[in-house]
Amino acid sequence: MARAEISNQIRRLRFEHAEMTQQELADRVGCTRQTIITLEKGRYVPSLALAFRIARVFELSLEDVFSYHDR
């Protein structure tokens, strides 16, 4: 069975949005800075609710922030 991978554009989007810090994003979506760090490094897959909150902060669709890839 193929392994799935989810990637994201969070780091790029933070810098495109007035160089938002990891802490600012964490505060806006209700998680910790450590969660944002692990998301950006691709070591953590967010819950669907957190993914939607992150997308809303950037005023983008879920697919504009996160990508699903089959391996």
N, C-alpha and C. Protein backbone atom coordinates (compact mmCIF):
# COMPACT_ATOMS: atom_id res chain seq x y z
N MET A 1 0.84 -1.18 0.00
CA MET A 1 0.00 0.00 0.00
C MET A 1 0.89 1.25 0.00
N ALA A 2 0.50 2.23 -0.79
CA ALA A 2 1.28 3.46 -0.90
C ALA A 2 1.11 4.32 0.36
N ARG A 3 2.19 4.97 0.74
CA ARG A 3 2.15 5.87 1.89
C ARG A 3 1.77 7.27 1.41
N ALA A 4 0.91 7.91 2.15
CA ALA A 4 0.47 9.26 1.79
C ALA A 4 1.29 10.30 2.56
N GLU A 5 1.44 11.44 1.96
CA GLU A 5 2.17 12.53 2.58
C GLU A 5 1.39 13.82 2.39
N ILE A 6 1.36 14.63 3.43
CA ILE A 6 0.71 15.93 3.35
C ILE A 6 1.78 16.99 3.54
N SER A 7 1.87 17.88 2.57
CA SER A 7 2.82 18.99 2.67
C SER A 7 2.03 20.28 2.85
N ASN A 8 2.73 21.36 3.19
CA ASN A 8 2.03 22.63 3.40
C ASN A 8 2.90 23.80 2.98
N GLN A 9 2.24 24.93 2.87
CA GLN A 9 2.88 26.19 2.47
C GLN A 9 2.89 27.20 3.61
N ILE A 10 2.80 26.72 4.84
CA ILE A 10 2.63 27.61 5.98
C ILE A 10 3.78 28.61 6.13
N ARG A 11 5.00 28.13 6.04
CA ARG A 11 6.14 29.04 6.23
C ARG A 11 6.13 30.16 5.18
N ARG A 12 5.95 29.80 3.92
CA ARG A 12 5.90 30.80 2.85
C ARG A 12 4.75 31.77 3.07
N LEU A 13 3.60 31.26 3.45
CA LEU A 13 2.43 32.11 3.65
C LEU A 13 2.61 33.07 4.82
N ARG A 14 3.27 32.62 5.88
CA ARG A 14 3.53 33.53 7.01
C ARG A 14 4.35 34.73 6.55
N PHE A 15 5.38 34.48 5.74
CA PHE A 15 6.24 35.57 5.29
C PHE A 15 5.53 36.47 4.30
N GLU A 16 4.61 35.93 3.53
CA GLU A 16 3.83 36.74 2.59
C GLU A 16 2.75 37.55 3.30
N HIS A 17 2.47 37.23 4.53
CA HIS A 17 1.46 37.95 5.32
C HIS A 17 2.17 38.74 6.42
N ALA A 18 2.88 39.77 5.99
CA ALA A 18 3.55 40.72 6.89
C ALA A 18 4.54 40.02 7.82
N GLU A 19 5.20 38.98 7.30
CA GLU A 19 6.19 38.24 8.08
C GLU A 19 5.65 37.83 9.45
N MET A 20 4.44 37.26 9.42
CA MET A 20 3.79 36.76 10.63
C MET A 20 4.72 35.76 11.33
N THR A 21 4.83 35.89 12.64
CA THR A 21 5.68 34.95 13.38
C THR A 21 4.93 33.64 13.62
N GLN A 22 5.68 32.62 13.97
CA GLN A 22 5.07 31.34 14.31
C GLN A 22 4.15 31.52 15.51
N GLN A 23 4.56 32.31 16.47
CA GLN A 23 3.74 32.54 17.66
C GLN A 23 2.45 33.26 17.32
N GLU A 24 2.51 34.26 16.43
CA GLU A 24 1.30 34.97 16.03
C GLU A 24 0.30 34.01 15.36
N LEU A 25 0.80 33.16 14.48
CA LEU A 25 -0.08 32.19 13.84
C LEU A 25 -0.65 31.23 14.86
N ALA A 26 0.18 30.73 15.74
CA ALA A 26 -0.28 29.81 16.79
C ALA A 26 -1.38 30.44 17.63
N ASP A 27 -1.19 31.69 18.02
CA ASP A 27 -2.19 32.39 18.82
C ASP A 27 -3.50 32.54 18.06
N ARG A 28 -3.43 32.81 16.78
CA ARG A 28 -4.64 33.02 15.96
C ARG A 28 -5.41 31.74 15.70
N VAL A 29 -4.72 30.60 15.69
CA VAL A 29 -5.42 29.34 15.40
C VAL A 29 -5.62 28.47 16.64
N GLY A 30 -5.12 28.90 17.80
CA GLY A 30 -5.35 28.18 19.04
C GLY A 30 -4.51 26.94 19.23
N CYS A 31 -3.23 27.05 18.88
CA CYS A 31 -2.32 25.94 19.14
C CYS A 31 -1.02 26.52 19.68
N THR A 32 -0.01 25.68 19.86
CA THR A 32 1.27 26.15 20.37
C THR A 32 2.22 26.49 19.23
N ARG A 33 3.24 27.27 19.55
CA ARG A 33 4.28 27.58 18.57
C ARG A 33 4.97 26.30 18.13
N GLN A 34 5.16 25.38 19.06
CA GLN A 34 5.81 24.10 18.74
C GLN A 34 5.02 23.34 17.67
N THR A 35 3.69 23.41 17.74
CA THR A 35 2.86 22.76 16.72
C THR A 35 3.13 23.38 15.35
N ILE A 36 3.22 24.69 15.28
CA ILE A 36 3.50 25.36 14.00
C ILE A 36 4.88 24.95 13.49
N ILE A 37 5.85 24.88 14.38
CA ILE A 37 7.21 24.48 13.99
C ILE A 37 7.18 23.08 13.37
N THR A 38 6.52 22.14 14.04
CA THR A 38 6.50 20.76 13.52
C THR A 38 5.69 20.65 12.24
N LEU A 39 4.65 21.46 12.11
CA LEU A 39 3.89 21.50 10.85
C LEU A 39 4.78 21.97 9.70
N GLU A 40 5.49 23.07 9.92
CA GLU A 40 6.34 23.63 8.87
C GLU A 40 7.44 22.66 8.45
N LYS A 41 7.92 21.86 9.38
CA LYS A 41 8.97 20.89 9.07
C LYS A 41 8.42 19.61 8.45
N GLY A 42 7.09 19.51 8.37
CA GLY A 42 6.49 18.32 7.78
C GLY A 42 6.50 17.12 8.69
N ARG A 43 6.64 17.34 9.97
CA ARG A 43 6.70 16.24 10.94
C ARG A 43 5.37 15.98 11.62
N TYR A 44 4.36 16.77 11.30
CA TYR A 44 3.07 16.66 11.96
C TYR A 44 1.98 16.95 10.95
N VAL A 45 0.93 16.14 10.99
CA VAL A 45 -0.25 16.37 10.15
C VAL A 45 -1.34 16.92 11.06
N PRO A 46 -1.86 18.09 10.75
CA PRO A 46 -2.84 18.71 11.65
C PRO A 46 -4.20 18.02 11.57
N SER A 47 -4.99 18.24 12.61
CA SER A 47 -6.38 17.80 12.55
C SER A 47 -7.06 18.60 11.45
N LEU A 48 -8.17 18.11 11.00
CA LEU A 48 -8.91 18.82 9.96
C LEU A 48 -9.34 20.20 10.46
N ALA A 49 -9.76 20.27 11.71
CA ALA A 49 -10.19 21.56 12.27
C ALA A 49 -9.04 22.56 12.29
N LEU A 50 -7.86 22.13 12.72
CA LEU A 50 -6.70 23.03 12.74
C LEU A 50 -6.31 23.44 11.33
N ALA A 51 -6.36 22.52 10.40
CA ALA A 51 -6.03 22.85 9.01
C ALA A 51 -6.97 23.93 8.48
N PHE A 52 -8.26 23.81 8.77
CA PHE A 52 -9.22 24.83 8.32
C PHE A 52 -8.94 26.17 8.99
N ARG A 53 -8.62 26.16 10.28
CA ARG A 53 -8.33 27.43 10.97
C ARG A 53 -7.10 28.11 10.36
N ILE A 54 -6.09 27.33 10.04
CA ILE A 54 -4.89 27.90 9.42
C ILE A 54 -5.23 28.49 8.05
N ALA A 55 -5.97 27.76 7.26
CA ALA A 55 -6.36 28.26 5.93
C ALA A 55 -7.15 29.55 6.05
N ARG A 56 -8.02 29.63 7.02
CA ARG A 56 -8.85 30.85 7.21
C ARG A 56 -8.01 32.05 7.59
N VAL A 57 -6.97 31.85 8.40
CA VAL A 57 -6.09 32.96 8.76
C VAL A 57 -5.51 33.60 7.50
N PHE A 58 -5.14 32.76 6.54
CA PHE A 58 -4.54 33.25 5.30
C PHE A 58 -5.58 33.57 4.22
N GLU A 59 -6.86 33.37 4.56
CA GLU A 59 -7.97 33.62 3.63
C GLU A 59 -7.80 32.83 2.34
N LEU A 60 -7.43 31.55 2.50
CA LEU A 60 -7.22 30.65 1.38
C LEU A 60 -8.02 29.37 1.58
N SER A 61 -8.14 28.60 0.51
CA SER A 61 -8.78 27.30 0.64
C SER A 61 -7.80 26.33 1.28
N LEU A 62 -8.33 25.25 1.80
CA LEU A 62 -7.50 24.22 2.41
C LEU A 62 -6.45 23.72 1.42
N GLU A 63 -6.85 23.54 0.16
CA GLU A 63 -5.95 23.03 -0.88
C GLU A 63 -4.85 24.02 -1.26
N ASP A 64 -5.06 25.30 -0.97
CA ASP A 64 -4.02 26.29 -1.24
C ASP A 64 -2.94 26.29 -0.16
N VAL A 65 -3.25 25.72 0.99
CA VAL A 65 -2.30 25.67 2.10
C VAL A 65 -1.68 24.28 2.22
N PHE A 66 -2.50 23.25 2.06
CA PHE A 66 -2.06 21.86 2.23
C PHE A 66 -2.20 21.08 0.95
N SER A 67 -1.25 20.17 0.70
CA SER A 67 -1.28 19.31 -0.48
C SER A 67 -1.15 17.86 -0.05
N TYR A 68 -1.91 16.99 -0.71
CA TYR A 68 -1.88 15.56 -0.42
C TYR A 68 -1.20 14.85 -1.57
N HIS A 69 -0.23 14.01 -1.24
CA HIS A 69 0.53 13.29 -2.27
C HIS A 69 0.56 11.81 -1.92
N ASP A 70 0.27 10.97 -2.91
CA ASP A 70 0.45 9.53 -2.74
C ASP A 70 1.90 9.20 -3.01
N ARG A 71 2.43 8.27 -2.25
CA ARG A 71 3.82 7.85 -2.49
C ARG A 71 3.84 6.46 -3.00
